[in-house]
C-alpha atoms as a PDB file:
ATOM      1  CA  UNK A   1      -6.005  59.961  46.918  1.00  0.00           C
ATOM      2  CA  UNK A   2      -3.908  57.892  49.453  1.00  0.00           C
ATOM      3  CA  UNK A   3      -1.565  55.145  47.738  1.00  0.00           C
ATOM      4  CA  UNK A   4      -1.563  53.820  51.289  1.00  0.00           C
ATOM      5  CA  UNK A   5      -4.932  52.856  50.845  1.00  0.00           C
ATOM      6  CA  UNK A   6      -4.497  50.955  47.706  1.00  0.00           C
ATOM      7  CA  UNK A   7      -4.233  47.636  48.301  1.00  0.00           C
ATOM      8  CA  UNK A   8      -0.978  45.787  46.541  1.00  0.00           C
ATOM      9  CA  UNK A   9      -2.255  43.463  44.585  1.00  0.00           C
ATOM     10  CA  UNK A  10      -0.684  40.049  45.299  1.00  0.00           C
ATOM     11  CA  UNK A  11       1.658  37.976  42.613  1.00  0.00           C
ATOM     12  CA  UNK A  12       2.596  34.662  41.965  1.00  0.00           C
ATOM     13  CA  UNK A  13       5.623  34.989  43.957  1.00  0.00           C
ATOM     14  CA  UNK A  14       3.679  36.033  47.287  1.00  0.00           C
ATOM     15  CA  UNK A  15       1.653  32.969  46.626  1.00  0.00           C
ATOM     16  CA  UNK A  16       5.104  30.566  45.964  1.00  0.00           C
ATOM     17  CA  UNK A  17       6.501  32.095  49.120  1.00  0.00           C
ATOM     18  CA  UNK A  18       3.323  31.709  51.295  1.00  0.00           C
ATOM     19  CA  UNK A  19       2.557  28.206  50.088  1.00  0.00           C
ATOM     20  CA  UNK A  20       6.506  26.787  50.865  1.00  0.00           C
ATOM     21  CA  UNK A  21       6.790  26.115  46.874  1.00  0.00           C
ATOM     22  CA  UNK A  22       8.204  27.761  43.684  1.00  0.00           C
ATOM     23  CA  UNK A  23       6.680  29.824  41.087  1.00  0.00           C
ATOM     24  CA  UNK A  24       6.951  26.896  38.560  1.00  0.00           C
ATOM     25  CA  UNK A  25       4.898  24.767  41.103  1.00  0.00           C
ATOM     26  CA  UNK A  26       2.103  27.479  41.606  1.00  0.00           C
ATOM     27  CA  UNK A  27       2.058  28.007  37.666  1.00  0.00           C
ATOM     28  CA  UNK A  28       1.744  24.113  37.323  1.00  0.00           C
ATOM     29  CA  UNK A  29      -1.472  23.897  39.770  1.00  0.00           C
ATOM     30  CA  UNK A  30      -3.411  26.923  38.087  1.00  0.00           C
ATOM     31  CA  UNK A  31      -2.725  26.052  34.492  1.00  0.00           C
ATOM     32  CA  UNK A  32      -2.917  22.158  35.193  1.00  0.00           C
ATOM     33  CA  UNK A  33       0.621  21.864  32.888  1.00  0.00           C
ATOM     34  CA  UNK A  34       2.146  18.626  35.662  1.00  0.00           C
ATOM     35  CA  UNK A  35       1.253  16.228  37.761  1.00  0.00           C
ATOM     36  CA  UNK A  36       1.533  18.079  41.539  1.00  0.00           C
ATOM     37  CA  UNK A  37       0.254  15.893  44.916  1.00  0.00           C
ATOM     38  CA  UNK A  38      -2.898  16.762  46.388  1.00  0.00           C
ATOM     39  CA  UNK A  39      -1.027  17.551  49.685  1.00  0.00           C
ATOM     40  CA  UNK A  40       0.822  20.874  47.600  1.00  0.00           C
ATOM     41  CA  UNK A  41      -2.179  21.658  45.458  1.00  0.00           C
ATOM     42  CA  UNK A  42      -3.902  22.570  49.193  1.00  0.00           C
ATOM     43  CA  UNK A  43      -1.215  24.720  49.722  1.00  0.00           C
ATOM     44  CA  UNK A  44      -0.978  26.375  46.585  1.00  0.00           C
ATOM     45  CA  UNK A  45      -4.894  27.136  46.551  1.00  0.00           C
ATOM     46  CA  UNK A  46      -5.115  27.899  50.610  1.00  0.00           C
ATOM     47  CA  UNK A  47      -1.957  30.687  49.678  1.00  0.00           C
ATOM     48  CA  UNK A  48      -4.499  31.766  46.538  1.00  0.00           C
ATOM     49  CA  UNK A  49      -7.690  32.141  48.330  1.00  0.00           C
ATOM     50  CA  UNK A  50      -5.713  34.073  51.283  1.00  0.00           C
ATOM     51  CA  UNK A  51      -3.578  36.444  49.561  1.00  0.00           C
ATOM     52  CA  UNK A  52      -7.183  36.661  47.151  1.00  0.00           C
ATOM     53  CA  UNK A  53      -4.549  36.167  44.049  1.00  0.00           C
ATOM     54  CA  UNK A  54      -6.325  36.440  41.160  1.00  0.00           C
ATOM     55  CA  UNK A  55      -4.749  34.555  37.770  1.00  0.00           C
ATOM     56  CA  UNK A  56      -4.863  37.185  34.643  1.00  0.00           C
ATOM     57  CA  UNK A  57      -5.344  35.213  31.850  1.00  0.00           C
ATOM     58  CA  UNK A  58      -5.886  37.649  29.166  1.00  0.00           C
ATOM     59  CA  UNK A  59      -2.631  39.827  30.463  1.00  0.00           C
ATOM     60  CA  UNK A  60      -0.748  36.459  30.429  1.00  0.00           C
ATOM     61  CA  UNK A  61      -1.762  36.174  26.746  1.00  0.00           C
ATOM     62  CA  UNK A  62      -1.090  39.706  25.946  1.00  0.00           C
ATOM     63  CA  UNK A  63       2.342  39.298  27.339  1.00  0.00           C
ATOM     64  CA  UNK A  64       3.156  36.175  25.718  1.00  0.00           C
ATOM     65  CA  UNK A  65       2.209  37.261  21.780  1.00  0.00           C
ATOM     66  CA  UNK A  66       4.150  40.308  22.554  1.00  0.00           C
ATOM     67  CA  UNK A  67       7.365  38.784  23.919  1.00  0.00           C
ATOM     68  CA  UNK A  68       9.082  38.228  20.796  1.00  0.00           C
ATOM     69  CA  UNK A  69      10.841  35.543  22.340  1.00  0.00           C
ATOM     70  CA  UNK A  70      10.877  32.025  20.801  1.00  0.00           C
ATOM     71  CA  UNK A  71      12.140  28.937  23.373  1.00  0.00           C
ATOM     72  CA  UNK A  72      14.622  26.803  21.714  1.00  0.00           C
ATOM     73  CA  UNK A  73      15.337  23.003  23.578  1.00  0.00           C
ATOM     74  CA  UNK A  74      18.601  21.056  22.090  1.00  0.00           C
ATOM     75  CA  UNK A  75      19.474  17.731  23.983  1.00  0.00           C
ATOM     76  CA  UNK A  76      23.666  18.823  23.839  1.00  0.00           C
ATOM     77  CA  UNK A  77      25.175  21.929  22.727  1.00  0.00           C
ATOM     78  CA  UNK A  78      28.342  20.739  22.841  1.00  0.00           C
ATOM     79  CA  UNK A  79      27.665  18.287  19.674  1.00  0.00           C
ATOM     80  CA  UNK A  80      28.275  20.408  16.748  1.00  0.00           C
ATOM     81  CA  UNK A  81      25.500  19.184  14.901  1.00  0.00           C
ATOM     82  CA  UNK A  82      22.943  20.300  17.372  1.00  0.00           C
ATOM     83  CA  UNK A  83      25.215  23.815  17.456  1.00  0.00           C
ATOM     84  CA  UNK A  84      24.956  24.022  13.944  1.00  0.00           C
ATOM     85  CA  UNK A  85      21.111  24.157  14.486  1.00  0.00           C
ATOM     86  CA  UNK A  86      20.888  26.809  16.894  1.00  0.00           C
ATOM     87  CA  UNK A  87      22.874  28.988  14.938  1.00  0.00           C
ATOM     88  CA  UNK A  88      20.781  28.839  12.000  1.00  0.00           C
ATOM     89  CA  UNK A  89      17.514  29.212  13.898  1.00  0.00           C
ATOM     90  CA  UNK A  90      18.927  31.997  16.197  1.00  0.00           C
ATOM     91  CA  UNK A  91      19.931  33.987  13.089  1.00  0.00           C
ATOM     92  CA  UNK A  92      16.642  33.787  11.128  1.00  0.00           C
ATOM     93  CA  UNK A  93      14.951  34.794  13.950  1.00  0.00           C
ATOM     94  CA  UNK A  94      17.124  37.775  14.700  1.00  0.00           C
ATOM     95  CA  UNK A  95      16.515  38.478  11.228  1.00  0.00           C
ATOM     96  CA  UNK A  96      12.831  38.767  12.066  1.00  0.00           C
ATOM     97  CA  UNK A  97      13.578  40.778  15.577  1.00  0.00           C
ATOM     98  CA  UNK A  98      13.072  37.690  17.780  1.00  0.00           C
ATOM     99  CA  UNK A  99      14.972  36.894  20.224  1.00  0.00           C
ATOM    100  CA  UNK A 100      15.684  33.052  21.164  1.00  0.00           C
ATOM    101  CA  UNK A 101      16.203  31.389  25.058  1.00  0.00           C
ATOM    102  CA  UNK A 102      18.453  28.481  24.032  1.00  0.00           C
ATOM    103  CA  UNK A 103      18.558  25.628  26.735  1.00  0.00           C
ATOM    104  CA  UNK A 104      20.702  22.266  26.618  1.00  0.00           C
ATOM    105  CA  UNK A 105      18.462  19.257  28.425  1.00  0.00           C
ATOM    106  CA  UNK A 106      21.489  16.566  28.476  1.00  0.00           C
ATOM    107  CA  UNK A 107      18.926  13.958  27.097  1.00  0.00           C
ATOM    108  CA  UNK A 108      17.132  14.333  30.460  1.00  0.00           C
ATOM    109  CA  UNK A 109      13.514  14.255  31.420  1.00  0.00           C
ATOM    110  CA  UNK A 110      13.510  15.782  34.399  1.00  0.00           C
ATOM    111  CA  UNK A 111      15.756  18.863  33.286  1.00  0.00           C
ATOM    112  CA  UNK A 112      13.620  18.971  29.877  1.00  0.00           C
ATOM    113  CA  UNK A 113      10.406  19.746  32.028  1.00  0.00           C
ATOM    114  CA  UNK A 114      12.729  22.457  34.282  1.00  0.00           C
ATOM    115  CA  UNK A 115      13.618  24.450  31.372  1.00  0.00           C
ATOM    116  CA  UNK A 116       9.780  23.736  29.708  1.00  0.00           C
ATOM    117  CA  UNK A 117       8.293  25.291  32.984  1.00  0.00           C
ATOM    118  CA  UNK A 118      10.596  28.155  32.417  1.00  0.00           C
ATOM    119  CA  UNK A 119      10.159  28.988  28.769  1.00  0.00           C
ATOM    120  CA  UNK A 120       6.388  29.104  30.135  1.00  0.00           C
ATOM    121  CA  UNK A 121       7.137  31.520  32.794  1.00  0.00           C
ATOM    122  CA  UNK A 122       9.280  33.909  30.305  1.00  0.00           C
ATOM    123  CA  UNK A 123       6.108  33.882  28.381  1.00  0.00           C
ATOM    124  CA  UNK A 124       7.465  32.642  25.625  1.00  0.00           C
ATOM    125  CA  UNK A 125       5.925  32.742  22.101  1.00  0.00           C
ATOM    126  CA  UNK A 126       6.399  29.367  21.004  1.00  0.00           C
ATOM    127  CA  UNK A 127       8.831  26.456  21.625  1.00  0.00           C
ATOM    128  CA  UNK A 128      11.048  24.037  19.280  1.00  0.00           C
ATOM    129  CA  UNK A 129      12.042  20.999  20.396  1.00  0.00           C
ATOM    130  CA  UNK A 130      15.291  19.691  18.745  1.00  0.00           C
ATOM    131  CA  UNK A 131      15.968  15.763  19.118  1.00  0.00           C
ATOM    132  CA  UNK A 132      14.949  14.142  22.628  1.00  0.00           C
ATOM    133  CA  UNK A 133      12.421  11.402  22.864  1.00  0.00           C
ATOM    134  CA  UNK A 134      10.936  10.706  26.400  1.00  0.00           C
ATOM    135  CA  UNK A 135       9.150  14.263  26.721  1.00  0.00           C
ATOM    136  CA  UNK A 136       6.269  14.829  29.501  1.00  0.00           C
ATOM    137  CA  UNK A 137       3.059  13.825  26.994  1.00  0.00           C
ATOM    138  CA  UNK A 138       0.965  15.700  29.332  1.00  0.00           C
ATOM    139  CA  UNK A 139       3.113  18.693  29.927  1.00  0.00           C
ATOM    140  CA  UNK A 140       3.484  19.252  26.053  1.00  0.00           C
ATOM    141  CA  UNK A 141       0.032  18.650  25.563  1.00  0.00           C
ATOM    142  CA  UNK A 142      -1.200  21.619  28.470  1.00  0.00           C
ATOM    143  CA  UNK A 143       1.628  24.110  27.087  1.00  0.00           C
ATOM    144  CA  UNK A 144      -0.273  23.622  23.577  1.00  0.00           C
ATOM    145  CA  UNK A 145      -3.581  24.596  24.995  1.00  0.00           C
ATOM    146  CA  UNK A 146      -1.834  27.188  26.431  1.00  0.00           C
ATOM    147  CA  UNK A 147      -1.414  28.824  23.071  1.00  0.00           C
ATOM    148  CA  UNK A 148       2.487  28.453  23.049  1.00  0.00           C
ATOM    149  CA  UNK A 149       3.093  26.534  19.749  1.00  0.00           C
ATOM    150  CA  UNK A 150       4.836  23.277  20.112  1.00  0.00           C
ATOM    151  CA  UNK A 151       7.359  22.606  17.135  1.00  0.00           C
ATOM    152  CA  UNK A 152       9.358  19.099  16.802  1.00  0.00           C
ATOM    153  CA  UNK A 153      12.725  18.988  14.689  1.00  0.00           C
ATOM    154  CA  UNK A 154      14.526  16.425  13.789  1.00  0.00           C
ATOM    155  CA  UNK A 155      12.342  14.006  14.539  1.00  0.00           C
ATOM    156  CA  UNK A 156       8.766  13.095  14.788  1.00  0.00           C
ATOM    157  CA  UNK A 157       6.278  12.537  17.680  1.00  0.00           C
ATOM    158  CA  UNK A 158       5.368   8.846  18.806  1.00  0.00           C
ATOM    159  CA  UNK A 159       6.472   6.934  15.821  1.00  0.00           C
ATOM    160  CA  UNK A 160       4.967   9.509  13.290  1.00  0.00           C
ATOM    161  CA  UNK A 161       1.716  10.227  14.723  1.00  0.00           C
ATOM    162  CA  UNK A 162       0.906  13.994  13.586  1.00  0.00           C
ATOM    163  CA  UNK A 163       0.654  15.411  16.818  1.00  0.00           C
ATOM    164  CA  UNK A 164       2.335  18.555  16.928  1.00  0.00           C
ATOM    165  CA  UNK A 165       4.246  20.008  13.356  1.00  0.00           C
ATOM    166  CA  UNK A 166       7.507  18.257  13.039  1.00  0.00           C
ATOM    167  CA  UNK A 167      10.571  18.829  10.944  1.00  0.00           C
ATOM    168  CA  UNK A 168      12.928  15.683   9.791  1.00  0.00           C
ATOM    169  CA  UNK A 169      15.631  13.812   7.726  1.00  0.00           C
ATOM    170  CA  UNK A 170      14.218  10.590   6.074  1.00  0.00           C
ATOM    171  CA  UNK A 171      16.549   8.577   8.006  1.00  0.00           C
ATOM    172  CA  UNK A 172      15.017   5.073   7.007  1.00  0.00           C
ATOM    173  CA  UNK A 173      15.368   5.451   3.394  1.00  0.00           C
ATOM    174  CA  UNK A 174      19.183   6.813   4.064  1.00  0.00           C
ATOM    175  CA  UNK A 175      20.534   3.656   5.570  1.00  0.00           C
ATOM    176  CA  UNK A 176      18.708   1.587   3.213  1.00  0.00           C
ATOM    177  CA  UNK A 177      20.487   3.226   0.639  1.00  0.00           C
ATOM    178  CA  UNK A 178      23.952   3.170   2.616  1.00  0.00           C
ATOM    179  CA  UNK A 179      23.300  -0.814   3.195  1.00  0.00           C
ATOM    180  CA  UNK A 180      22.753  -0.898  -0.794  1.00  0.00           C
ATOM    181  CA  UNK A 181      26.254   0.025  -1.380  1.00  0.00           C
ATOM    182  CA  UNK A 182      28.120  -1.399   1.110  1.00  0.00           C
ATOM    183  CA  UNK A 183      26.855  -4.747  -0.143  1.00  0.00           C
ATOM    184  CA  UNK A 184      28.173  -4.022  -4.169  1.00  0.00           C
ATOM    185  CA  UNK A 185      31.410  -3.380  -1.573  1.00  0.00           C
ATOM    186  CA  UNK A 186      31.077  -7.051  -0.934  1.00  0.00           C
ATOM    187  CA  UNK A 187      30.393  -6.200   2.899  1.00  0.00           C
ATOM    188  CA  UNK A 188      27.955  -9.201   3.960  1.00  0.00           C
ATOM    189  CA  UNK A 189      28.736  -8.477   8.265  1.00  0.00           C
ATOM    190  CA  UNK A 190      27.194  -5.053   8.731  1.00  0.00           C
ATOM    191  CA  UNK A 191      26.839  -4.317  11.969  1.00  0.00           C
ATOM    192  CA  UNK A 192      24.715  -1.188  13.320  1.00  0.00           C
ATOM    193  CA  UNK A 193      25.962   0.666  16.173  1.00  0.00           C
ATOM    194  CA  UNK A 194      23.201   3.526  18.376  1.00  0.00           C
ATOM    195  CA  UNK A 195      22.802   5.190  21.315  1.00  0.00           C
ATOM    196  CA  UNK A 196      19.353   4.280  21.822  1.00  0.00           C
ATOM    197  CA  UNK A 197      16.138   3.702  20.010  1.00  0.00           C
ATOM    198  CA  UNK A 198      13.862   6.234  21.693  1.00  0.00           C
ATOM    199  CA  UNK A 199      14.493   8.699  19.431  1.00  0.00           C
ATOM    200  CA  UNK A 200      12.535   8.488  16.772  1.00  0.00           C
ATOM    201  CA  UNK A 201      14.875   9.319  14.151  1.00  0.00           C
ATOM    202  CA  UNK A 202      17.244   6.785  15.276  1.00  0.00           C
ATOM    203  CA  UNK A 203      14.375   4.215  15.516  1.00  0.00           C
ATOM    204  CA  UNK A 204      13.800   5.001  11.804  1.00  0.00           C
ATOM    205  CA  UNK A 205      17.453   4.535  11.363  1.00  0.00           C
ATOM    206  CA  UNK A 206      17.483   1.248  13.129  1.00  0.00           C
ATOM    207  CA  UNK A 207      14.196   0.428  10.874  1.00  0.00           C
ATOM    208  CA  UNK A 208      16.302   1.117   7.691  1.00  0.00           C
ATOM    209  CA  UNK A 209      19.114  -1.144   8.507  1.00  0.00           C
ATOM    210  CA  UNK A 210      16.692  -3.994   9.091  1.00  0.00           C
ATOM    211  CA  UNK A 211      14.715  -3.196   6.094  1.00  0.00           C
ATOM    212  CA  UNK A 212      17.975  -3.020   3.852  1.00  0.00           C
ATOM    213  CA  UNK A 213      19.139  -6.232   5.717  1.00  0.00           C
ATOM    214  CA  UNK A 214      16.332  -8.262   4.496  1.00  0.00           C
ATOM    215  CA  UNK A 215      16.162  -6.958   1.008  1.00  0.00           C
ATOM    216  CA  UNK A 216      19.439  -8.309   0.507  1.00  0.00           C
ATOM    217  CA  UNK A 217      19.222 -11.741   1.901  1.00  0.00           C
ATOM    218  CA  UNK A 218      22.231 -10.605   4.581  1.00  0.00           C
ATOM    219  CA  UNK A 219      21.933 -12.192   8.034  1.00  0.00           C
ATOM    220  CA  UNK A 220      20.843 -10.422  10.918  1.00  0.00           C
ATOM    221  CA  UNK A 221      22.286 -11.485  14.221  1.00  0.00           C
ATOM    222  CA  UNK A 222      21.955  -9.966  17.314  1.00  0.00           C
ATOM    223  CA  UNK A 223      25.212  -9.942  18.448  1.00  0.00           C
ATOM    224  CA  UNK A 224      25.790  -7.201  15.499  1.00  0.00           C
ATOM    225  CA  UNK A 225      23.563  -4.794  16.361  1.00  0.00           C
ATOM    226  CA  UNK A 226      24.950  -2.370  19.490  1.00  0.00           C
ATOM    227  CA  UNK A 227      22.093  -0.404  21.290  1.00  0.00           C
ATOM    228  CA  UNK A 228      24.224   1.834  23.861  1.00  0.00           C
ATOM    229  CA  UNK A 229      22.376   4.535  26.023  1.00  0.00           C
ATOM    230  CA  UNK A 230      25.993   5.596  26.953  1.00  0.00           C
ATOM    231  CA  UNK A 231      26.949   6.322  23.692  1.00  0.00           C
ATOM    232  CA  UNK A 232      24.534  10.034  24.389  1.00  0.00           C
ATOM    233  CA  UNK A 233      26.976  12.277  25.942  1.00  0.00           C
ATOM    234  CA  UNK A 234      30.812  12.190  25.195  1.00  0.00           C
ATOM    235  CA  UNK A 235      30.406  10.208  22.036  1.00  0.00           C
ATOM    236  CA  UNK A 236      33.743  10.114  21.000  1.00  0.00           C
ATOM    237  CA  UNK A 237      35.339   8.490  24.191  1.00  0.00           C
ATOM    238  CA  UNK A 238      32.231   6.573  24.739  1.00  0.00           C
ATOM    239  CA  UNK A 239      32.514   5.308  21.210  1.00  0.00           C
ATOM    240  CA  UNK A 240      36.491   4.255  21.777  1.00  0.00           C
ATOM    241  CA  UNK A 241      35.911   2.269  24.877  1.00  0.00           C
ATOM    242  CA  UNK A 242      33.026   0.568  22.836  1.00  0.00           C
ATOM    243  CA  UNK A 243      35.103  -0.465  20.559  1.00  0.00           C
ATOM    244  CA  UNK A 244      38.354  -1.487  22.752  1.00  0.00           C
ATOM    245  CA  UNK A 245      35.988  -3.743  24.361  1.00  0.00           C
ATOM    246  CA  UNK A 246      34.647  -5.603  21.366  1.00  0.00           C
ATOM    247  CA  UNK A 247      37.647  -6.090  20.337  1.00  0.00           C
ATOM    248  CA  UNK A 248      39.024  -7.470  23.717  1.00  0.00           C
ATOM    249  CA  UNK A 249      36.531  -9.892  23.974  1.00  0.00           C
ATOM    250  CA  UNK A 250      35.900 -11.138  20.160  1.00  0.00           C
ATOM    251  CA  UNK A 251      38.005 -12.242  17.314  1.00  0.00           C
ATOM    252  CA  UNK A 252      37.871 -10.321  14.427  1.00  0.00           C
ATOM    253  CA  UNK A 253      35.614 -13.216  12.533  1.00  0.00           C
ATOM    254  CA  UNK A 254      33.211 -12.693  15.470  1.00  0.00           C
ATOM    255  CA  UNK A 255      32.404  -9.107  14.377  1.00  0.00           C
ATOM    256  CA  UNK A 256      31.061  -6.885  11.770  1.00  0.00           C
ATOM    257  CA  UNK A 257      32.780  -6.144   8.919  1.00  0.00           C
ATOM    258  CA  UNK A 258      31.725  -2.858   9.114  1.00  0.00           C
ATOM    259  CA  UNK A 259      29.580  -0.917  11.497  1.00  0.00           C
ATOM    260  CA  UNK A 260      26.941   1.847  10.454  1.00  0.00           C
ATOM    261  CA  UNK A 261      26.688   4.014  13.715  1.00  0.00           C
ATOM    262  CA  UNK A 262      24.303   7.133  13.961  1.00  0.00           C
ATOM    263  CA  UNK A 263      26.963   9.532  15.346  1.00  0.00           C
ATOM    264  CA  UNK A 264      29.876  10.573  13.868  1.00  0.00           C
ATOM    265  CA  UNK A 265      31.353  11.291  16.777  1.00  0.00           C
ATOM    266  CA  UNK A 266      30.614   7.643  17.730  1.00  0.00           C
ATOM    267  CA  UNK A 267      32.347   6.697  14.442  1.00  0.00           C
ATOM    268  CA  UNK A 268      35.321   7.990  14.957  1.00  0.00           C
ATOM    269  CA  UNK A 269      35.799   7.205  18.625  1.00  0.00           C
ATOM    270  CA  UNK A 270      35.464   3.575  17.171  1.00  0.00           C
ATOM    271  CA  UNK A 271      38.195   4.544  14.722  1.00  0.00           C
ATOM    272  CA  UNK A 272      40.589   5.396  17.311  1.00  0.00           C
ATOM    273  CA  UNK A 273      40.248   1.755  19.065  1.00  0.00           C
ATOM    274  CA  UNK A 274      40.720   0.336  15.812  1.00  0.00           C
ATOM    275  CA  UNK A 275      43.792   1.364  15.012  1.00  0.00           C
ATOM    276  CA  UNK A 276      45.158   1.426  18.385  1.00  0.00           C
ATOM    277  CA  UNK A 277      44.644  -2.028  18.685  1.00  0.00           C
ATOM    278  CA  UNK A 278      46.484  -2.361  15.348  1.00  0.00           C
ATOM    279  CA  UNK A 279      43.987  -3.177  12.956  1.00  0.00           C
ATOM    280  CA  UNK A 280      43.589  -0.738   9.861  1.00  0.00           C
ATOM    281  CA  UNK A 281      40.084   0.956   8.702  1.00  0.00           C
ATOM    282  CA  UNK A 282      38.936   0.279   6.040  1.00  0.00           C
ATOM    283  CA  UNK A 283      41.159  -3.125   5.938  1.00  0.00           C
ATOM    284  CA  UNK A 284      40.054  -4.348   8.674  1.00  0.00           C
ATOM    285  CA  UNK A 285      36.629  -2.923   9.435  1.00  0.00           C
ATOM    286  CA  UNK A 286      34.295  -0.404   7.987  1.00  0.00           C
ATOM    287  CA  UNK A 287      33.019   2.685   9.631  1.00  0.00           C
ATOM    288  CA  UNK A 288      30.181   4.739   9.159  1.00  0.00           C
ATOM    289  CA  UNK A 289      29.464   8.381  10.524  1.00  0.00           C
ATOM    290  CA  UNK A 290      26.159  10.261  10.638  1.00  0.00           C
ATOM    291  CA  UNK A 291      26.236  13.816  10.521  1.00  0.00           C
ATOM    292  CA  UNK A 292      28.927  15.016   8.027  1.00  0.00           C
ATOM    293  CA  UNK A 293      30.702  16.981  10.943  1.00  0.00           C
ATOM    294  CA  UNK A 294      33.275  19.528   9.956  1.00  0.00           C
ATOM    295  CA  UNK A 295      35.887  16.877  11.135  1.00  0.00           C
ATOM    296  CA  UNK A 296      34.661  14.376   9.505  1.00  0.00           C
ATOM    297  CA  UNK A 297      36.718  14.880   6.091  1.00  0.00           C
ATOM    298  CA  UNK A 298      39.812  15.378   7.645  1.00  0.00           C
ATOM    299  CA  UNK A 299      40.177  12.349   9.582  1.00  0.00           C
ATOM    300  CA  UNK A 300      42.842   9.377   8.299  1.00  0.00           C
ATOM    301  CA  UNK A 301      41.059   7.502   6.706  1.00  0.00           C
ATOM    302  CA  UNK A 302      38.539  10.516   6.276  1.00  0.00           C
ATOM    303  CA  UNK A 303      35.266   9.456   7.249  1.00  0.00           C
ATOM    304  CA  UNK A 304      32.171   8.133   5.122  1.00  0.00           C
ATOM    305  CA  UNK A 305      29.137   9.486   6.176  1.00  0.00           C
ATOM    306  CA  UNK A 306      25.977  11.076   5.970  1.00  0.00           C
ATOM    307  CA  UNK A 307      25.318  14.510   5.495  1.00  0.00           C
ATOM    308  CA  UNK A 308      22.246  16.126   7.188  1.00  0.00           C
ATOM    309  CA  UNK A 309      21.908  19.653   6.731  1.00  0.00           C
ATOM    310  CA  UNK A 310      21.782  21.309   9.944  1.00  0.00           C
ATOM    311  CA  UNK A 311      21.507  24.289   9.010  1.00  0.00           C
ATOM    312  CA  UNK A 312      18.184  23.432   6.296  1.00  0.00           C
ATOM    313  CA  UNK A 313      16.748  21.909   9.797  1.00  0.00           C
ATOM    314  CA  UNK A 314      16.745  24.894  11.963  1.00  0.00           C
ATOM    315  CA  UNK A 315      15.483  27.214   8.982  1.00  0.00           C
ATOM    316  CA  UNK A 316      13.198  24.584   8.115  1.00  0.00           C
ATOM    317  CA  UNK A 317      11.635  24.666  11.783  1.00  0.00           C
ATOM    318  CA  UNK A 318      12.004  28.768  11.879  1.00  0.00           C
ATOM    319  CA  UNK A 319       9.967  29.133   8.944  1.00  0.00           C
ATOM    320  CA  UNK A 320       7.239  26.663  10.738  1.00  0.00           C
ATOM    321  CA  UNK A 321       7.156  28.762  13.592  1.00  0.00           C
ATOM    322  CA  UNK A 322       6.669  31.928  11.364  1.00  0.00           C
ATOM    323  CA  UNK A 323       3.913  30.366  10.008  1.00  0.00           C
ATOM    324  CA  UNK A 324       1.812  29.045  13.003  1.00  0.00           C
ATOM    325  CA  UNK A 325       2.615  33.095  14.961  1.00  0.00           C
ATOM    326  CA  UNK A 326       1.509  34.649  11.709  1.00  0.00           C
ATOM    327  CA  UNK A 327      -1.326  31.862  11.391  1.00  0.00           C
ATOM    328  CA  UNK A 328      -0.156  31.139   7.458  1.00  0.00           C
ATOM    329  CA  UNK A 329      -1.054  27.233   7.721  1.00  0.00           C
ATOM    330  CA  UNK A 330      -4.186  25.959   7.753  1.00  0.00           C
ATOM    331  CA  UNK A 331      -2.530  22.392   8.461  1.00  0.00           C
ATOM    332  CA  UNK A 332      -0.321  20.715  10.553  1.00  0.00           C
ATOM    333  CA  UNK A 333       3.468  20.867   8.839  1.00  0.00           C
ATOM    334  CA  UNK A 334       5.322  18.064   8.761  1.00  0.00           C
ATOM    335  CA  UNK A 335       8.550  18.216   6.267  1.00  0.00           C
ATOM    336  CA  UNK A 336      10.545  15.358   5.162  1.00  0.00           C
ATOM    337  CA  UNK A 337      14.297  16.629   4.006  1.00  0.00           C
ATOM    338  CA  UNK A 338      16.543  14.440   2.058  1.00  0.00           C
ATOM    339  CA  UNK A 339      20.060  13.265   3.356  1.00  0.00           C
ATOM    340  CA  UNK A 340      23.548  12.640   1.330  1.00  0.00           C
ATOM    341  CA  UNK A 341      25.871   9.549   1.462  1.00  0.00           C
ATOM    342  CA  UNK A 342      29.313  10.683   1.072  1.00  0.00           C
ATOM    343  CA  UNK A 343      31.904   8.344   0.440  1.00  0.00           C
ATOM    344  CA  UNK A 344      35.092   8.785   1.457  1.00  0.00           C
ATOM    345  CA  UNK A 345      37.877   5.951   2.792  1.00  0.00           C
ATOM    346  CA  UNK A 346      36.975   4.325   5.817  1.00  0.00           C
ATOM    347  CA  UNK A 347      34.717   1.736   3.637  1.00  0.00           C
END
């Protein structure tokens, strides 16, 4: 047989080159996993027809099921909390013979879309998204329809709707517990500092704050609640700058007596600003962190915080992955983990 007479089978890369688009765009057009303009779709379909390209769905499925690769997305790999979750998850996956592709999307929706596209094209067996919030809902749903399980960690989906399997902490109850303790220490002006309310875990903490304040008949003042998106990245510096600004524009009597923050890193920055401005923690201001990072116990003063077991959430997420891949579960898992209030010297 003359090999020259055998026509070379066209690939997705050939289609992308002919249509003048990326392989990812071709994949989205074929699988309907992202909004693509009609003009671009027509270019891709024309290239597919001219090249006689036939996507082999069965082959893609076989490759995916045997890839032994899992996609793991975190919002900020430089944050110790997320890196601990990743380490726990990767270690458990390794023990079971899987490789993990780790992506950090920096709280950026477009970057998350790109990373998801890469993972789909790498035929990963499952995708785990830790944190985050404003996902491309259509894209996640289409990935799920393609047979790739989506698992959420340290969050739920759309205010608790059980659309995807998930594992998260009981943030609401914990913040209420913190407020209960603070009232016993005679704090009445209690502030709340968070990066955003679009992330379900942070929204739950905010709801816990509101409920706790109401239950203790404490005044909820708009000026005591600080929702600052720029606290998402470079948290320590951003927390420092926020507190510096507050101390420069308000008197001590106009500010909360104690701040509950949603991150140890933010709390550390705020304590730094308080001390630099000549005030004392906890004599002038109390500060509560969140995460119980390793540095928290070694600050001066040692930081009171809420401990979240990153290893626990990483291992729980892996357990859900294995259930889904082995078809052992017959329900949509939603795990709610408990936290610990670690009382130190900052309140």
